[in-house]
Amino acid sequence: MAFRNLTENDTNIFYEMCEEFFHSSAVLHPIPFAHHVATLQEILRSDQYLLGYLLEAGGQPAGFAVLNKMMQHEAGGLVLWVECLYIRPPFRSHGLGRQFLQFVAAEWKGKAKQLRLEVEPENERAAALYQKMGYQVLPYQQMILPLEEPEKH
C-alpha cells in the first residue's frame, strides 16, 4: 500500500473514482462533475486549502482522499478535514482506510490540532472503524445556506 500526492497525471483516474464515490451510498447525493474539476485544479494549484492523495495497492489505484485545511476557533488551531476518503470495492476490508488515516495523523501530529470527518449514519462499517481508531462522535447538527443556485447533476 502506498499513499502519494495527486498529480496532473492522475486526472482521469481521480475523476473516475470521484464519480464512483459521489454515486454511492456513502454520500447524500451526486455532485456536478464540474466540482471534481474545481477540486483537482485547487489541489494542483497549491496546498494552501486542499491536499489530494492517490491510494494504491499492488500498484493499482485503490482509492483517493481529499483533505481540507482550516483554522478552527473551537480547536484552537489548524484542523484537517477528511473531506473525502474513498476505497474502491475490491480493495475494501484490507486496512487501506485505516492505514491512510494513521499516515495522515502521523504526518500532521504537532502541526494540526485535529483530524475531522463526516460519515453517513447508514455507513456503519466506516463509523465503527473511525470509532475504533479513537474518533469521537460530535453532537452537532450541521446546517448549510447555499449562496448560489445548485447546479444540475
N, C-alpha and C. Protein backbone atom coordinates (compact mmCIF):
# COMPACT_ATOMS: atom_id res chain seq x y z
N MET A 1 0.84 -1.18 0.00
CA MET A 1 0.00 0.00 0.00
C MET A 1 0.88 1.24 0.00
N ALA A 2 0.45 2.21 -0.79
CA ALA A 2 1.20 3.46 -0.88
C ALA A 2 0.23 4.62 -0.98
N PHE A 3 0.63 5.75 -0.44
CA PHE A 3 -0.15 6.97 -0.49
C PHE A 3 0.74 8.04 -1.08
N ARG A 4 0.26 8.69 -2.12
CA ARG A 4 1.06 9.76 -2.72
C ARG A 4 0.16 10.91 -3.13
N ASN A 5 0.79 12.08 -3.25
CA ASN A 5 0.04 13.26 -3.67
C ASN A 5 -0.48 13.07 -5.09
N LEU A 6 -1.70 13.55 -5.31
CA LEU A 6 -2.25 13.54 -6.66
C LEU A 6 -1.43 14.45 -7.56
N THR A 7 -1.26 14.04 -8.80
CA THR A 7 -0.58 14.86 -9.80
C THR A 7 -1.48 15.02 -11.01
N GLU A 8 -1.08 15.85 -11.91
CA GLU A 8 -1.84 16.06 -13.14
C GLU A 8 -2.01 14.75 -13.92
N ASN A 9 -1.05 13.85 -13.82
CA ASN A 9 -1.14 12.56 -14.49
C ASN A 9 -2.27 11.69 -13.95
N ASP A 10 -2.78 12.02 -12.77
CA ASP A 10 -3.85 11.25 -12.14
C ASP A 10 -5.24 11.77 -12.48
N THR A 11 -5.33 12.75 -13.35
CA THR A 11 -6.60 13.41 -13.63
C THR A 11 -7.71 12.42 -13.95
N ASN A 12 -7.51 11.55 -14.93
CA ASN A 12 -8.59 10.66 -15.36
C ASN A 12 -9.01 9.69 -14.26
N ILE A 13 -8.07 9.10 -13.55
CA ILE A 13 -8.43 8.15 -12.50
C ILE A 13 -9.09 8.88 -11.33
N PHE A 14 -8.65 10.09 -11.04
CA PHE A 14 -9.29 10.88 -9.98
C PHE A 14 -10.76 11.13 -10.33
N TYR A 15 -11.02 11.60 -11.55
CA TYR A 15 -12.40 11.86 -11.96
C TYR A 15 -13.24 10.58 -11.94
N GLU A 16 -12.66 9.49 -12.40
CA GLU A 16 -13.38 8.21 -12.41
C GLU A 16 -13.78 7.80 -10.99
N MET A 17 -12.84 7.89 -10.06
CA MET A 17 -13.14 7.50 -8.69
C MET A 17 -14.09 8.49 -8.01
N CYS A 18 -13.99 9.78 -8.35
CA CYS A 18 -14.94 10.76 -7.80
C CYS A 18 -16.36 10.40 -8.21
N GLU A 19 -16.53 10.04 -9.47
CA GLU A 19 -17.86 9.65 -9.94
C GLU A 19 -18.36 8.41 -9.21
N GLU A 20 -17.47 7.44 -8.98
CA GLU A 20 -17.85 6.24 -8.22
C GLU A 20 -18.29 6.63 -6.81
N PHE A 21 -17.49 7.45 -6.14
CA PHE A 21 -17.76 7.84 -4.76
C PHE A 21 -19.06 8.64 -4.65
N PHE A 22 -19.22 9.65 -5.51
CA PHE A 22 -20.37 10.54 -5.40
C PHE A 22 -21.64 9.96 -6.02
N HIS A 23 -21.58 8.73 -6.45
CA HIS A 23 -22.78 7.98 -6.86
C HIS A 23 -22.93 6.74 -5.99
N SER A 24 -22.42 6.81 -4.77
CA SER A 24 -22.51 5.68 -3.84
C SER A 24 -23.37 6.07 -2.65
N SER A 25 -23.67 5.10 -1.82
CA SER A 25 -24.48 5.35 -0.63
C SER A 25 -23.70 6.07 0.47
N ALA A 26 -22.40 6.30 0.26
CA ALA A 26 -21.59 6.98 1.27
C ALA A 26 -21.83 8.49 1.31
N VAL A 27 -22.54 9.00 0.31
CA VAL A 27 -22.81 10.44 0.24
C VAL A 27 -24.31 10.67 0.10
N LEU A 28 -24.75 11.87 0.41
CA LEU A 28 -26.18 12.17 0.34
C LEU A 28 -26.71 12.20 -1.09
N HIS A 29 -25.89 12.71 -2.01
CA HIS A 29 -26.35 12.85 -3.39
C HIS A 29 -25.15 13.07 -4.31
N PRO A 30 -25.31 12.78 -5.59
CA PRO A 30 -24.23 13.09 -6.53
C PRO A 30 -23.99 14.59 -6.60
N ILE A 31 -22.80 14.96 -7.05
CA ILE A 31 -22.48 16.37 -7.25
C ILE A 31 -22.11 16.57 -8.71
N PRO A 32 -22.19 17.79 -9.20
CA PRO A 32 -21.83 18.05 -10.59
C PRO A 32 -20.36 17.72 -10.87
N PHE A 33 -20.10 17.22 -12.07
CA PHE A 33 -18.74 16.87 -12.47
C PHE A 33 -17.81 18.08 -12.35
N ALA A 34 -18.35 19.26 -12.59
CA ALA A 34 -17.54 20.49 -12.51
C ALA A 34 -16.92 20.66 -11.12
N HIS A 35 -17.55 20.11 -10.09
CA HIS A 35 -16.98 20.21 -8.74
C HIS A 35 -15.71 19.36 -8.61
N HIS A 36 -15.68 18.22 -9.30
CA HIS A 36 -14.46 17.39 -9.30
C HIS A 36 -13.32 18.16 -9.98
N VAL A 37 -13.67 18.81 -11.09
CA VAL A 37 -12.66 19.58 -11.83
C VAL A 37 -12.11 20.71 -10.97
N ALA A 38 -12.99 21.47 -10.33
CA ALA A 38 -12.56 22.58 -9.49
C ALA A 38 -11.70 22.09 -8.32
N THR A 39 -12.07 20.95 -7.74
CA THR A 39 -11.30 20.40 -6.63
C THR A 39 -9.91 20.01 -7.07
N LEU A 40 -9.80 19.29 -8.18
CA LEU A 40 -8.48 18.88 -8.64
C LEU A 40 -7.64 20.09 -9.03
N GLN A 41 -8.24 21.09 -9.66
CA GLN A 41 -7.49 22.30 -10.00
C GLN A 41 -6.91 22.96 -8.76
N GLU A 42 -7.69 23.01 -7.69
CA GLU A 42 -7.20 23.63 -6.45
C GLU A 42 -6.09 22.78 -5.82
N ILE A 43 -6.25 21.46 -5.84
CA ILE A 43 -5.21 20.57 -5.30
C ILE A 43 -3.90 20.78 -6.05
N LEU A 44 -3.98 20.87 -7.37
CA LEU A 44 -2.78 21.01 -8.19
C LEU A 44 -2.19 22.42 -8.11
N ARG A 45 -3.03 23.42 -7.80
CA ARG A 45 -2.58 24.82 -7.73
C ARG A 45 -1.63 25.04 -6.56
N SER A 46 -2.02 24.55 -5.38
CA SER A 46 -1.19 24.72 -4.19
C SER A 46 -1.74 23.82 -3.09
N ASP A 47 -1.05 23.77 -1.99
CA ASP A 47 -1.57 23.01 -0.85
C ASP A 47 -2.13 23.96 0.23
N GLN A 48 -2.48 25.17 -0.17
CA GLN A 48 -2.99 26.16 0.78
C GLN A 48 -4.29 25.70 1.44
N TYR A 49 -5.20 25.13 0.64
CA TYR A 49 -6.50 24.73 1.16
C TYR A 49 -6.73 23.22 1.12
N LEU A 50 -6.37 22.60 0.02
CA LEU A 50 -6.67 21.19 -0.19
C LEU A 50 -5.43 20.36 -0.40
N LEU A 51 -5.50 19.12 0.08
CA LEU A 51 -4.47 18.12 -0.19
C LEU A 51 -5.18 16.94 -0.84
N GLY A 52 -4.61 16.40 -1.88
CA GLY A 52 -5.21 15.26 -2.55
C GLY A 52 -4.24 14.11 -2.61
N TYR A 53 -4.74 12.91 -2.34
CA TYR A 53 -3.90 11.72 -2.32
C TYR A 53 -4.50 10.63 -3.19
N LEU A 54 -3.62 9.89 -3.83
CA LEU A 54 -4.00 8.66 -4.51
C LEU A 54 -3.56 7.52 -3.61
N LEU A 55 -4.47 6.61 -3.33
CA LEU A 55 -4.16 5.44 -2.51
C LEU A 55 -3.96 4.28 -3.46
N GLU A 56 -2.84 3.60 -3.33
CA GLU A 56 -2.51 2.50 -4.23
C GLU A 56 -2.30 1.21 -3.45
N ALA A 57 -2.68 0.12 -4.08
CA ALA A 57 -2.45 -1.22 -3.52
C ALA A 57 -1.99 -2.10 -4.66
N GLY A 58 -0.82 -2.70 -4.50
CA GLY A 58 -0.28 -3.53 -5.56
C GLY A 58 -0.06 -2.77 -6.85
N GLY A 59 0.26 -1.49 -6.75
CA GLY A 59 0.49 -0.66 -7.93
C GLY A 59 -0.78 -0.23 -8.64
N GLN A 60 -1.94 -0.58 -8.10
CA GLN A 60 -3.23 -0.22 -8.70
C GLN A 60 -3.88 0.92 -7.93
N PRO A 61 -4.60 1.82 -8.64
CA PRO A 61 -5.33 2.87 -7.93
C PRO A 61 -6.47 2.26 -7.12
N ALA A 62 -6.36 2.36 -5.81
CA ALA A 62 -7.32 1.71 -4.92
C ALA A 62 -8.28 2.69 -4.27
N GLY A 63 -7.99 3.97 -4.36
CA GLY A 63 -8.86 4.97 -3.77
C GLY A 63 -8.23 6.34 -3.80
N PHE A 64 -8.92 7.29 -3.23
CA PHE A 64 -8.39 8.65 -3.16
C PHE A 64 -8.88 9.30 -1.88
N ALA A 65 -8.22 10.38 -1.53
CA ALA A 65 -8.64 11.18 -0.37
C ALA A 65 -8.42 12.65 -0.68
N VAL A 66 -9.30 13.47 -0.15
CA VAL A 66 -9.17 14.92 -0.23
C VAL A 66 -9.25 15.44 1.20
N LEU A 67 -8.24 16.20 1.59
CA LEU A 67 -8.19 16.82 2.92
C LEU A 67 -8.30 18.32 2.76
N ASN A 68 -9.08 18.93 3.64
CA ASN A 68 -9.29 20.36 3.61
C ASN A 68 -8.65 20.95 4.86
N LYS A 69 -7.80 21.95 4.69
CA LYS A 69 -7.11 22.59 5.81
C LYS A 69 -7.89 23.83 6.23
N MET A 70 -8.14 23.93 7.53
CA MET A 70 -8.84 25.12 8.01
C MET A 70 -8.43 25.44 9.44
N MET A 71 -8.45 26.71 9.75
CA MET A 71 -8.25 27.17 11.12
C MET A 71 -9.60 27.07 11.80
N GLN A 72 -9.63 26.50 12.99
CA GLN A 72 -10.90 26.39 13.70
C GLN A 72 -10.75 26.95 15.10
N HIS A 73 -11.56 27.90 15.41
CA HIS A 73 -11.53 28.57 16.70
C HIS A 73 -11.71 27.56 17.82
N GLU A 74 -12.72 26.71 17.71
CA GLU A 74 -13.03 25.75 18.77
C GLU A 74 -11.86 24.82 19.06
N ALA A 75 -11.13 24.42 18.03
CA ALA A 75 -9.99 23.52 18.20
C ALA A 75 -8.73 24.26 18.63
N GLY A 76 -8.71 25.57 18.41
CA GLY A 76 -7.55 26.35 18.81
C GLY A 76 -6.39 26.24 17.84
N GLY A 77 -6.68 25.94 16.58
CA GLY A 77 -5.62 25.85 15.59
C GLY A 77 -6.08 25.17 14.33
N LEU A 78 -5.11 24.66 13.59
CA LEU A 78 -5.35 24.03 12.31
C LEU A 78 -6.08 22.70 12.48
N VAL A 79 -7.10 22.50 11.67
CA VAL A 79 -7.85 21.25 11.64
C VAL A 79 -7.77 20.72 10.21
N LEU A 80 -7.53 19.43 10.09
CA LEU A 80 -7.58 18.78 8.78
C LEU A 80 -8.91 18.06 8.68
N TRP A 81 -9.69 18.46 7.72
CA TRP A 81 -10.99 17.85 7.49
C TRP A 81 -10.81 16.79 6.41
N VAL A 82 -11.07 15.55 6.76
CA VAL A 82 -11.01 14.47 5.77
C VAL A 82 -12.32 14.55 5.01
N GLU A 83 -12.28 15.31 3.93
CA GLU A 83 -13.49 15.62 3.18
C GLU A 83 -13.98 14.42 2.37
N CYS A 84 -13.07 13.72 1.78
CA CYS A 84 -13.40 12.51 1.02
C CYS A 84 -12.36 11.45 1.33
N LEU A 85 -12.83 10.26 1.58
CA LEU A 85 -11.96 9.09 1.68
C LEU A 85 -12.71 7.96 1.01
N TYR A 86 -12.24 7.57 -0.15
CA TYR A 86 -12.92 6.55 -0.95
C TYR A 86 -11.97 5.40 -1.21
N ILE A 87 -12.45 4.21 -0.92
CA ILE A 87 -11.73 2.98 -1.23
C ILE A 87 -12.59 2.20 -2.21
N ARG A 88 -12.02 1.83 -3.34
CA ARG A 88 -12.77 1.06 -4.33
C ARG A 88 -13.16 -0.31 -3.77
N PRO A 89 -14.33 -0.82 -4.14
CA PRO A 89 -14.83 -2.08 -3.56
C PRO A 89 -13.83 -3.24 -3.52
N PRO A 90 -13.07 -3.52 -4.56
CA PRO A 90 -12.15 -4.68 -4.47
C PRO A 90 -11.05 -4.53 -3.43
N PHE A 91 -10.81 -3.30 -2.97
CA PHE A 91 -9.71 -3.03 -2.04
C PHE A 91 -10.18 -2.80 -0.60
N ARG A 92 -11.48 -2.90 -0.38
CA ARG A 92 -12.03 -2.69 0.96
C ARG A 92 -11.73 -3.88 1.86
N SER A 93 -11.75 -3.63 3.15
CA SER A 93 -11.54 -4.65 4.19
C SER A 93 -10.12 -5.21 4.19
N HIS A 94 -9.16 -4.41 3.70
CA HIS A 94 -7.75 -4.80 3.72
C HIS A 94 -6.91 -3.82 4.54
N GLY A 95 -7.58 -2.91 5.26
CA GLY A 95 -6.86 -1.98 6.12
C GLY A 95 -6.37 -0.72 5.45
N LEU A 96 -6.74 -0.50 4.19
CA LEU A 96 -6.24 0.67 3.46
C LEU A 96 -6.72 1.98 4.09
N GLY A 97 -8.02 2.07 4.41
CA GLY A 97 -8.55 3.29 5.03
C GLY A 97 -7.90 3.56 6.37
N ARG A 98 -7.78 2.52 7.18
CA ARG A 98 -7.14 2.67 8.50
C ARG A 98 -5.70 3.14 8.33
N GLN A 99 -4.97 2.52 7.44
CA GLN A 99 -3.56 2.90 7.25
C GLN A 99 -3.43 4.32 6.74
N PHE A 100 -4.34 4.72 5.85
CA PHE A 100 -4.28 6.10 5.36
C PHE A 100 -4.52 7.09 6.50
N LEU A 101 -5.53 6.85 7.30
CA LEU A 101 -5.82 7.77 8.41
C LEU A 101 -4.68 7.79 9.42
N GLN A 102 -4.04 6.66 9.66
CA GLN A 102 -2.87 6.63 10.54
C GLN A 102 -1.71 7.42 9.93
N PHE A 103 -1.52 7.29 8.63
CA PHE A 103 -0.50 8.05 7.91
C PHE A 103 -0.73 9.55 8.07
N VAL A 104 -1.95 9.99 7.86
CA VAL A 104 -2.27 11.42 7.97
C VAL A 104 -2.05 11.89 9.41
N ALA A 105 -2.51 11.12 10.38
CA ALA A 105 -2.32 11.50 11.78
C ALA A 105 -0.84 11.64 12.12
N ALA A 106 -0.01 10.72 11.64
CA ALA A 106 1.43 10.78 11.91
C ALA A 106 2.07 11.99 11.21
N GLU A 107 1.67 12.24 9.96
CA GLU A 107 2.22 13.36 9.19
C GLU A 107 1.89 14.72 9.82
N TRP A 108 0.73 14.83 10.43
CA TRP A 108 0.26 16.13 10.92
C TRP A 108 0.33 16.29 12.43
N LYS A 109 0.80 15.27 13.14
CA LYS A 109 0.94 15.37 14.60
C LYS A 109 1.91 16.52 14.90
N GLY A 110 1.50 17.41 15.78
CA GLY A 110 2.32 18.57 16.12
C GLY A 110 2.12 19.75 15.19
N LYS A 111 1.44 19.55 14.06
CA LYS A 111 1.17 20.64 13.12
C LYS A 111 -0.30 21.02 13.10
N ALA A 112 -1.16 20.05 13.33
CA ALA A 112 -2.60 20.29 13.35
C ALA A 112 -3.16 19.85 14.70
N LYS A 113 -4.26 20.44 15.08
CA LYS A 113 -4.89 20.12 16.36
C LYS A 113 -5.81 18.91 16.28
N GLN A 114 -6.44 18.71 15.13
CA GLN A 114 -7.42 17.63 14.99
C GLN A 114 -7.49 17.13 13.56
N LEU A 115 -7.94 15.89 13.44
CA LEU A 115 -8.49 15.38 12.19
C LEU A 115 -9.99 15.32 12.40
N ARG A 116 -10.71 15.68 11.38
CA ARG A 116 -12.17 15.69 11.49
C ARG A 116 -12.74 15.08 10.22
N LEU A 117 -13.86 14.38 10.36
CA LEU A 117 -14.51 13.79 9.18
C LEU A 117 -15.99 13.65 9.42
N GLU A 118 -16.71 13.39 8.34
CA GLU A 118 -18.13 13.11 8.39
C GLU A 118 -18.35 11.69 7.94
N VAL A 119 -19.43 11.11 8.42
CA VAL A 119 -19.81 9.77 7.97
C VAL A 119 -21.34 9.72 7.97
N GLU A 120 -21.89 9.15 6.91
CA GLU A 120 -23.33 8.96 6.85
C GLU A 120 -23.75 7.95 7.92
N PRO A 121 -24.84 8.19 8.64
CA PRO A 121 -25.27 7.24 9.68
C PRO A 121 -25.44 5.81 9.16
N GLU A 122 -25.83 5.68 7.89
CA GLU A 122 -26.02 4.35 7.31
C GLU A 122 -24.71 3.62 7.04
N ASN A 123 -23.61 4.35 7.02
CA ASN A 123 -22.31 3.76 6.73
C ASN A 123 -21.71 3.24 8.04
N GLU A 124 -22.35 2.20 8.56
CA GLU A 124 -21.99 1.69 9.88
C GLU A 124 -20.57 1.11 9.93
N ARG A 125 -20.13 0.49 8.85
CA ARG A 125 -18.76 -0.08 8.83
C ARG A 125 -17.72 1.01 9.00
N ALA A 126 -17.88 2.09 8.24
CA ALA A 126 -16.91 3.19 8.34
C ALA A 126 -16.97 3.82 9.72
N ALA A 127 -18.17 4.06 10.24
CA ALA A 127 -18.31 4.68 11.56
C ALA A 127 -17.66 3.81 12.63
N ALA A 128 -17.84 2.50 12.53
CA ALA A 128 -17.23 1.59 13.51
C ALA A 128 -15.71 1.66 13.44
N LEU A 129 -15.17 1.70 12.22
CA LEU A 129 -13.72 1.82 12.05
C LEU A 129 -13.21 3.11 12.69
N TYR A 130 -13.86 4.22 12.39
CA TYR A 130 -13.40 5.51 12.92
C TYR A 130 -13.45 5.52 14.45
N GLN A 131 -14.50 4.96 15.03
CA GLN A 131 -14.59 4.94 16.48
C GLN A 131 -13.52 4.04 17.08
N LYS A 132 -13.20 2.92 16.45
CA LYS A 132 -12.13 2.05 16.93
C LYS A 132 -10.79 2.77 16.91
N MET A 133 -10.64 3.69 15.95
CA MET A 133 -9.40 4.44 15.82
C MET A 133 -9.33 5.62 16.78
N GLY A 134 -10.38 5.86 17.55
CA GLY A 134 -10.36 6.94 18.52
C GLY A 134 -11.14 8.19 18.13
N TYR A 135 -11.76 8.19 16.96
CA TYR A 135 -12.60 9.33 16.57
C TYR A 135 -13.82 9.37 17.47
N GLN A 136 -14.23 10.57 17.84
CA GLN A 136 -15.37 10.75 18.72
C GLN A 136 -16.53 11.37 17.94
N VAL A 137 -17.73 10.95 18.27
CA VAL A 137 -18.92 11.50 17.63
C VAL A 137 -19.17 12.89 18.21
N LEU A 138 -19.38 13.85 17.33
CA LEU A 138 -19.74 15.20 17.76
C LEU A 138 -21.26 15.33 17.72
N PRO A 139 -21.85 15.91 18.76
CA PRO A 139 -23.32 16.01 18.78
C PRO A 139 -23.85 17.23 18.04
N TYR A 140 -23.13 17.69 17.03
CA TYR A 140 -23.58 18.84 16.26
C TYR A 140 -24.50 18.39 15.13
N GLN A 141 -25.41 19.27 14.77
CA GLN A 141 -26.18 19.09 13.55
C GLN A 141 -25.68 20.16 12.59
N GLN A 142 -25.19 19.76 11.45
CA GLN A 142 -24.69 20.74 10.51
C GLN A 142 -25.83 21.32 9.69
N MET A 143 -25.68 22.58 9.33
CA MET A 143 -26.67 23.27 8.52
C MET A 143 -25.91 24.05 7.46
N ILE A 144 -26.51 24.21 6.29
CA ILE A 144 -25.87 24.99 5.24
C ILE A 144 -26.86 25.99 4.67
N LEU A 145 -26.33 27.07 4.13
CA LEU A 145 -27.10 28.04 3.38
C LEU A 145 -26.43 28.19 2.03
N PRO A 146 -26.99 27.63 0.98
CA PRO A 146 -26.38 27.78 -0.34
C PRO A 146 -26.36 29.26 -0.76
N LEU A 147 -25.22 29.71 -1.25
CA LEU A 147 -25.09 31.10 -1.70
C LEU A 147 -25.19 31.22 -3.21
N GLU A 148 -25.32 30.08 -3.88
CA GLU A 148 -25.51 30.04 -5.32
C GLU A 148 -26.61 29.04 -5.63
N GLU A 149 -27.22 29.17 -6.78
CA GLU A 149 -28.21 28.20 -7.22
C GLU A 149 -27.51 26.86 -7.41
N PRO A 150 -28.11 25.76 -6.94
CA PRO A 150 -27.48 24.44 -7.14
C PRO A 150 -27.38 24.11 -8.62
N GLU A 151 -26.23 23.50 -8.98
CA GLU A 151 -26.03 23.06 -10.36
C GLU A 151 -26.79 21.77 -10.59
N LYS A 152 -27.20 21.57 -11.82
CA LYS A 152 -27.87 20.33 -12.20
C LYS A 152 -26.82 19.24 -12.29
N HIS A 153 -27.16 18.03 -11.88
CA HIS A 153 -26.23 16.89 -11.89
C HIS A 153 -26.13 16.32 -13.28
